Structures are given as structure tokens and as C-alpha cells.
Amino acid sequence: MVNPHVSEEAKEHSKQALEEMESRGELPEQQDERKNVGNVIGGHKATLKNPNVSEGTKEHSKRVLEDMDA
């Protein structure tokens, strides 16, 4: 919904479709507490090596990895 390359009309259509699905109970429950820790660590490590990522984002990933003792 925040992609600048998508028209406002397309964003509104997607928003309405999601709201309809949610009202019918068709969206899966979010499972944040069930995230695979290995995948989270791997994603943050990849962020540190990605030249297209800002320094601020790299610092965030570094702090997360430190907090996770990874």
C-alpha cells in the first residue's frame, strides 16, 4: 500500500479487497510470535551485507542481532 509506483486507484482497490476478505474471516491470523528465529537472523545478516540498504537500516539490524546474541 506504500509503493510509490502503484496508482492510488490500485491501492484503493487492494485496500477494499483486503477489508472484504477480513470481514469474511478469510485472512490468516498473524503469527509474529511464531517467526522462525533462524530466518530473522539470516535476514538481518543479509541486510548488513546489502549495498543498497541505508546505514541507518544496517545499524538497526546490527542492534537486533546484538540483542539476539546472534
PDB file of N, CA and C in Angstrom:
ATOM      1  N   MET A   1       0.806  -1.190   0.000  1.00  0.00           N
ATOM      2  CA  MET A   1       0.000   0.000   0.000  1.00  0.00           C
ATOM      3  C   MET A   1       0.857   1.267   0.000  1.00  0.00           C
ATOM      4  N   VAL A   2       2.156   1.111   0.193  1.00  0.00           N
ATOM      5  CA  VAL A   2       3.016   2.290   0.233  1.00  0.00           C
ATOM      6  C   VAL A   2       3.950   2.380  -0.967  1.00  0.00           C
ATOM      7  N   ASN A   3       3.792   1.510  -1.930  1.00  0.00           N
ATOM      8  CA  ASN A   3       4.650   1.515  -3.112  1.00  0.00           C
ATOM      9  C   ASN A   3       4.339   2.742  -3.963  1.00  0.00           C
ATOM     10  N   PRO A   4       5.326   3.636  -4.182  1.00  0.00           N
ATOM     11  CA  PRO A   4       5.072   4.850  -4.964  1.00  0.00           C
ATOM     12  C   PRO A   4       4.831   4.573  -6.444  1.00  0.00           C
ATOM     13  N   HIS A   5       5.104   3.366  -6.898  1.00  0.00           N
ATOM     14  CA  HIS A   5       4.926   3.019  -8.307  1.00  0.00           C
ATOM     15  C   HIS A   5       3.540   2.449  -8.600  1.00  0.00           C
ATOM     16  N   VAL A   6       2.682   2.391  -7.593  1.00  0.00           N
ATOM     17  CA  VAL A   6       1.334   1.854  -7.752  1.00  0.00           C
ATOM     18  C   VAL A   6       0.347   3.013  -7.684  1.00  0.00           C
ATOM     19  N   SER A   7      -0.608   3.021  -8.601  1.00  0.00           N
ATOM     20  CA  SER A   7      -1.583   4.111  -8.656  1.00  0.00           C
ATOM     21  C   SER A   7      -2.472   4.112  -7.413  1.00  0.00           C
ATOM     22  N   GLU A   8      -3.025   5.282  -7.114  1.00  0.00           N
ATOM     23  CA  GLU A   8      -3.939   5.401  -5.976  1.00  0.00           C
ATOM     24  C   GLU A   8      -5.168   4.520  -6.194  1.00  0.00           C
ATOM     25  N   GLU A   9      -5.606   4.412  -7.435  1.00  0.00           N
ATOM     26  CA  GLU A   9      -6.761   3.567  -7.752  1.00  0.00           C
ATOM     27  C   GLU A   9      -6.477   2.104  -7.409  1.00  0.00           C
ATOM     28  N   ALA A  10      -5.292   1.628  -7.767  1.00  0.00           N
ATOM     29  CA  ALA A  10      -4.918   0.245  -7.465  1.00  0.00           C
ATOM     30  C   ALA A  10      -4.792   0.028  -5.959  1.00  0.00           C
ATOM     31  N   LYS A  11      -4.233   1.013  -5.261  1.00  0.00           N
ATOM     32  CA  LYS A  11      -4.103   0.899  -3.807  1.00  0.00           C
ATOM     33  C   LYS A  11      -5.478   0.817  -3.154  1.00  0.00           C
ATOM     34  N   GLU A  12      -6.403   1.661  -3.612  1.00  0.00           N
ATOM     35  CA  GLU A  12      -7.746   1.668  -3.042  1.00  0.00           C
ATOM     36  C   GLU A  12      -8.454   0.340  -3.316  1.00  0.00           C
ATOM     37  N   HIS A  13      -8.282  -0.187  -4.515  1.00  0.00           N
ATOM     38  CA  HIS A  13      -8.887  -1.479  -4.856  1.00  0.00           C
ATOM     39  C   HIS A  13      -8.347  -2.580  -3.937  1.00  0.00           C
ATOM     40  N   SER A  14      -7.034  -2.593  -3.731  1.00  0.00           N
ATOM     41  CA  SER A  14      -6.421  -3.600  -2.859  1.00  0.00           C
ATOM     42  C   SER A  14      -6.916  -3.458  -1.430  1.00  0.00           C
ATOM     43  N   LYS A  15      -7.023  -2.218  -0.975  1.00  0.00           N
ATOM     44  CA  LYS A  15      -7.491  -1.969   0.383  1.00  0.00           C
ATOM     45  C   LYS A  15      -8.911  -2.503   0.565  1.00  0.00           C
ATOM     46  N   GLN A  16      -9.775  -2.232  -0.410  1.00  0.00           N
ATOM     47  CA  GLN A  16     -11.154  -2.705  -0.324  1.00  0.00           C
ATOM     48  C   GLN A  16     -11.218  -4.232  -0.352  1.00  0.00           C
ATOM     49  N   ALA A  17     -10.409  -4.848  -1.206  1.00  0.00           N
ATOM     50  CA  ALA A  17     -10.394  -6.307  -1.292  1.00  0.00           C
ATOM     51  C   ALA A  17      -9.947  -6.920   0.030  1.00  0.00           C
ATOM     52  N   LEU A  18      -8.921  -6.343   0.655  1.00  0.00           N
ATOM     53  CA  LEU A  18      -8.446  -6.855   1.944  1.00  0.00           C
ATOM     54  C   LEU A  18      -9.502  -6.689   3.030  1.00  0.00           C
ATOM     55  N   GLU A  19     -10.182  -5.542   3.026  1.00  0.00           N
ATOM     56  CA  GLU A  19     -11.228  -5.312   4.021  1.00  0.00           C
ATOM     57  C   GLU A  19     -12.361  -6.320   3.862  1.00  0.00           C
ATOM     58  N   GLU A  20     -12.732  -6.622   2.608  1.00  0.00           N
ATOM     59  CA  GLU A  20     -13.785  -7.607   2.363  1.00  0.00           C
ATOM     60  C   GLU A  20     -13.351  -8.993   2.843  1.00  0.00           C
ATOM     61  N   MET A  21     -12.118  -9.362   2.541  1.00  0.00           N
ATOM     62  CA  MET A  21     -11.612 -10.667   2.966  1.00  0.00           C
ATOM     63  C   MET A  21     -11.573 -10.757   4.484  1.00  0.00           C
ATOM     64  N   GLU A  22     -11.158  -9.673   5.124  1.00  0.00           N
ATOM     65  CA  GLU A  22     -11.083  -9.660   6.581  1.00  0.00           C
ATOM     66  C   GLU A  22     -12.477  -9.801   7.194  1.00  0.00           C
ATOM     67  N   SER A  23     -13.455  -9.099   6.624  1.00  0.00           N
ATOM     68  CA  SER A  23     -14.813  -9.164   7.173  1.00  0.00           C
ATOM     69  C   SER A  23     -15.419 -10.557   7.029  1.00  0.00           C
ATOM     70  N   ARG A  24     -14.971 -11.320   6.036  1.00  0.00           N
ATOM     71  CA  ARG A  24     -15.461 -12.690   5.840  1.00  0.00           C
ATOM     72  C   ARG A  24     -14.597 -13.710   6.583  1.00  0.00           C
ATOM     73  N   GLY A  25     -13.566 -13.246   7.262  1.00  0.00           N
ATOM     74  CA  GLY A  25     -12.695 -14.151   8.004  1.00  0.00           C
ATOM     75  C   GLY A  25     -11.779 -14.967   7.123  1.00  0.00           C
ATOM     76  N   GLU A  26     -11.441 -14.435   5.954  1.00  0.00           N
ATOM     77  CA  GLU A  26     -10.619 -15.179   5.001  1.00  0.00           C
ATOM     78  C   GLU A  26      -9.122 -14.909   5.123  1.00  0.00           C
ATOM     79  N   LEU A  27      -8.741 -13.974   5.965  1.00  0.00           N
ATOM     80  CA  LEU A  27      -7.319 -13.678   6.127  1.00  0.00           C
ATOM     81  C   LEU A  27      -6.754 -14.523   7.260  1.00  0.00           C
ATOM     82  N   PRO A  28      -5.557 -15.069   7.075  1.00  0.00           N
ATOM     83  CA  PRO A  28      -4.958 -15.879   8.144  1.00  0.00           C
ATOM     84  C   PRO A  28      -4.572 -15.006   9.332  1.00  0.00           C
ATOM     85  N   GLU A  29      -4.562 -15.606  10.491  1.00  0.00           N
ATOM     86  CA  GLU A  29      -4.120 -14.905  11.698  1.00  0.00           C
ATOM     87  C   GLU A  29      -2.642 -14.577  11.573  1.00  0.00           C
ATOM     88  N   GLN A  30      -2.250 -13.414  12.077  1.00  0.00           N
ATOM     89  CA  GLN A  30      -0.828 -13.086  12.071  1.00  0.00           C
ATOM     90  C   GLN A  30      -0.128 -13.947  13.105  1.00  0.00           C
ATOM     91  N   GLN A  31       1.060 -14.401  12.752  1.00  0.00           N
ATOM     92  CA  GLN A  31       1.789 -15.309  13.625  1.00  0.00           C
ATOM     93  C   GLN A  31       3.172 -14.760  13.940  1.00  0.00           C
ATOM     94  N   ASP A  32       3.230 -13.494  14.370  1.00  0.00           N
ATOM     95  CA  ASP A  32       4.517 -12.876  14.665  1.00  0.00           C
ATOM     96  C   ASP A  32       5.316 -13.677  15.681  1.00  0.00           C
ATOM     97  N   GLU A  33       4.636 -14.220  16.698  1.00  0.00           N
ATOM     98  CA  GLU A  33       5.347 -14.946  17.738  1.00  0.00           C
ATOM     99  C   GLU A  33       5.888 -16.275  17.242  1.00  0.00           C
ATOM    100  N   ARG A  34       5.499 -16.690  16.054  1.00  0.00           N
ATOM    101  CA  ARG A  34       5.950 -17.967  15.518  1.00  0.00           C
ATOM    102  C   ARG A  34       6.990 -17.803  14.414  1.00  0.00           C
ATOM    103  N   LYS A  35       7.566 -16.627  14.279  1.00  0.00           N
ATOM    104  CA  LYS A  35       8.579 -16.417  13.249  1.00  0.00           C
ATOM    105  C   LYS A  35       9.768 -17.337  13.500  1.00  0.00           C
ATOM    106  N   ASN A  36      10.320 -17.843  12.436  1.00  0.00           N
ATOM    107  CA  ASN A  36      11.492 -18.693  12.534  1.00  0.00           C
ATOM    108  C   ASN A  36      12.691 -17.816  12.880  1.00  0.00           C
ATOM    109  N   VAL A  37      13.252 -18.004  14.047  1.00  0.00           N
ATOM    110  CA  VAL A  37      14.351 -17.170  14.523  1.00  0.00           C
ATOM    111  C   VAL A  37      15.534 -17.224  13.562  1.00  0.00           C
ATOM    112  N   GLY A  38      15.800 -18.380  12.992  1.00  0.00           N
ATOM    113  CA  GLY A  38      16.897 -18.502  12.030  1.00  0.00           C
ATOM    114  C   GLY A  38      16.683 -17.627  10.809  1.00  0.00           C
ATOM    115  N   ASN A  39      15.441 -17.544  10.351  1.00  0.00           N
ATOM    116  CA  ASN A  39      15.143 -16.687   9.204  1.00  0.00           C
ATOM    117  C   ASN A  39      15.300 -15.214   9.557  1.00  0.00           C
ATOM    118  N   VAL A  40      14.879 -14.850  10.759  1.00  0.00           N
ATOM    119  CA  VAL A  40      15.011 -13.460  11.201  1.00  0.00           C
ATOM    120  C   VAL A  40      16.485 -13.076  11.263  1.00  0.00           C
ATOM    121  N   ILE A  41      17.292 -13.929  11.867  1.00  0.00           N
ATOM    122  CA  ILE A  41      18.733 -13.669  11.968  1.00  0.00           C
ATOM    123  C   ILE A  41      19.347 -13.583  10.576  1.00  0.00           C
ATOM    124  N   GLY A  42      18.999 -14.523   9.709  1.00  0.00           N
ATOM    125  CA  GLY A  42      19.529 -14.520   8.349  1.00  0.00           C
ATOM    126  C   GLY A  42      19.163 -13.266   7.586  1.00  0.00           C
ATOM    127  N   GLY A  43      17.949 -12.795   7.770  1.00  0.00           N
ATOM    128  CA  GLY A  43      17.516 -11.569   7.101  1.00  0.00           C
ATOM    129  C   GLY A  43      18.301 -10.359   7.562  1.00  0.00           C
ATOM    130  N   HIS A  44      18.543 -10.269   8.867  1.00  0.00           N
ATOM    131  CA  HIS A  44      19.314  -9.138   9.389  1.00  0.00           C
ATOM    132  C   HIS A  44      20.775  -9.219   8.956  1.00  0.00           C
ATOM    133  N   LYS A  45      21.327 -10.422   8.897  1.00  0.00           N
ATOM    134  CA  LYS A  45      22.707 -10.568   8.421  1.00  0.00           C
ATOM    135  C   LYS A  45      22.808 -10.179   6.952  1.00  0.00           C
ATOM    136  N   ALA A  46      21.820 -10.545   6.166  1.00  0.00           N
ATOM    137  CA  ALA A  46      21.815 -10.172   4.749  1.00  0.00           C
ATOM    138  C   ALA A  46      21.716  -8.661   4.596  1.00  0.00           C
ATOM    139  N   THR A  47      20.949  -8.021   5.465  1.00  0.00           N
ATOM    140  CA  THR A  47      20.816  -6.566   5.426  1.00  0.00           C
ATOM    141  C   THR A  47      22.167  -5.901   5.622  1.00  0.00           C
ATOM    142  N   LEU A  48      22.977  -6.439   6.529  1.00  0.00           N
ATOM    143  CA  LEU A  48      24.287  -5.850   6.800  1.00  0.00           C
ATOM    144  C   LEU A  48      25.203  -5.902   5.586  1.00  0.00           C
ATOM    145  N   LYS A  49      25.021  -6.884   4.717  1.00  0.00           N
ATOM    146  CA  LYS A  49      25.891  -7.054   3.549  1.00  0.00           C
ATOM    147  C   LYS A  49      25.322  -6.431   2.278  1.00  0.00           C
ATOM    148  N   ASN A  50      24.091  -5.952   2.327  1.00  0.00           N
ATOM    149  CA  ASN A  50      23.431  -5.420   1.139  1.00  0.00           C
ATOM    150  C   ASN A  50      23.873  -3.980   0.890  1.00  0.00           C
ATOM    151  N   PRO A  51      24.529  -3.701  -0.253  1.00  0.00           N
ATOM    152  CA  PRO A  51      24.995  -2.340  -0.533  1.00  0.00           C
ATOM    153  C   PRO A  51      23.858  -1.364  -0.829  1.00  0.00           C
ATOM    154  N   ASN A  52      22.658  -1.853  -1.055  1.00  0.00           N
ATOM    155  CA  ASN A  52      21.524  -0.986  -1.377  1.00  0.00           C
ATOM    156  C   ASN A  52      20.719  -0.577  -0.148  1.00  0.00           C
ATOM    157  N   VAL A  53      21.192  -0.937   1.033  1.00  0.00           N
ATOM    158  CA  VAL A  53      20.487  -0.639   2.276  1.00  0.00           C
ATOM    159  C   VAL A  53      21.170   0.538   2.959  1.00  0.00           C
ATOM    160  N   SER A  54      20.366   1.435   3.529  1.00  0.00           N
ATOM    161  CA  SER A  54      20.917   2.621   4.189  1.00  0.00           C
ATOM    162  C   SER A  54      21.712   2.242   5.438  1.00  0.00           C
ATOM    163  N   GLU A  55      22.589   3.140   5.836  1.00  0.00           N
ATOM    164  CA  GLU A  55      23.390   2.909   7.045  1.00  0.00           C
ATOM    165  C   GLU A  55      22.496   2.823   8.282  1.00  0.00           C
ATOM    166  N   GLY A  56      21.430   3.605   8.308  1.00  0.00           N
ATOM    167  CA  GLY A  56      20.509   3.556   9.441  1.00  0.00           C
ATOM    168  C   GLY A  56      19.852   2.197   9.586  1.00  0.00           C
ATOM    169  N   THR A  57      19.475   1.617   8.467  1.00  0.00           N
ATOM    170  CA  THR A  57      18.863   0.294   8.478  1.00  0.00           C
ATOM    171  C   THR A  57      19.879  -0.758   8.892  1.00  0.00           C
ATOM    172  N   LYS A  58      21.109  -0.603   8.422  1.00  0.00           N
ATOM    173  CA  LYS A  58      22.161  -1.542   8.814  1.00  0.00           C
ATOM    174  C   LYS A  58      22.414  -1.457  10.320  1.00  0.00           C
ATOM    175  N   GLU A  59      22.401  -0.250  10.866  1.00  0.00           N
ATOM    176  CA  GLU A  59      22.594  -0.085  12.312  1.00  0.00           C
ATOM    177  C   GLU A  59      21.464  -0.765  13.084  1.00  0.00           C
ATOM    178  N   HIS A  60      20.240  -0.628  12.583  1.00  0.00           N
ATOM    179  CA  HIS A  60      19.099  -1.279  13.233  1.00  0.00           C
ATOM    180  C   HIS A  60      19.299  -2.796  13.248  1.00  0.00           C
ATOM    181  N   SER A  61      19.667  -3.355  12.099  1.00  0.00           N
ATOM    182  CA  SER A  61      19.878  -4.802  12.021  1.00  0.00           C
ATOM    183  C   SER A  61      21.011  -5.240  12.934  1.00  0.00           C
ATOM    184  N   LYS A  62      22.051  -4.430  13.011  1.00  0.00           N
ATOM    185  CA  LYS A  62      23.177  -4.754  13.889  1.00  0.00           C
ATOM    186  C   LYS A  62      22.718  -4.806  15.350  1.00  0.00           C
ATOM    187  N   ARG A  63      21.888  -3.831  15.761  1.00  0.00           N
ATOM    188  CA  ARG A  63      21.382  -3.815  17.139  1.00  0.00           C
ATOM    189  C   ARG A  63      20.483  -5.021  17.411  1.00  0.00           C
ATOM    190  N   VAL A  64      19.636  -5.361  16.432  1.00  0.00           N
ATOM    191  CA  VAL A  64      18.754  -6.521  16.605  1.00  0.00           C
ATOM    192  C   VAL A  64      19.585  -7.782  16.791  1.00  0.00           C
ATOM    193  N   LEU A  65      20.608  -7.949  15.958  1.00  0.00           N
ATOM    194  CA  LEU A  65      21.465  -9.135  16.070  1.00  0.00           C
ATOM    195  C   LEU A  65      22.189  -9.165  17.411  1.00  0.00           C
ATOM    196  N   GLU A  66      22.640  -8.008  17.875  1.00  0.00           N
ATOM    197  CA  GLU A  66      23.299  -7.953  19.186  1.00  0.00           C
ATOM    198  C   GLU A  66      22.318  -8.335  20.289  1.00  0.00           C
ATOM    199  N   ASP A  67      21.082  -7.821  20.194  1.00  0.00           N
ATOM    200  CA  ASP A  67      20.063  -8.138  21.195  1.00  0.00           C
ATOM    201  C   ASP A  67      19.716  -9.625  21.203  1.00  0.00           C
ATOM    202  N   MET A  68      19.834 -10.258  20.031  1.00  0.00           N
ATOM    203  CA  MET A  68      19.516 -11.683  19.913  1.00  0.00           C
ATOM    204  C   MET A  68      20.740 -12.554  20.180  1.00  0.00           C
ATOM    205  N   ASP A  69      21.868 -11.934  20.496  1.00  0.00           N
ATOM    206  CA  ASP A  69      23.128 -12.653  20.696  1.00  0.00           C
ATOM    207  C   ASP A  69      23.471 -13.513  19.484  1.00  0.00           C
ATOM    208  N   ALA A  70      23.242 -12.957  18.305  1.00  0.00           N
ATOM    209  CA  ALA A  70      23.499 -13.708  17.061  1.00  0.00           C
ATOM    210  C   ALA A  70      24.764 -13.223  16.386  1.00  0.00           C
TER     211      ALA A  70
END
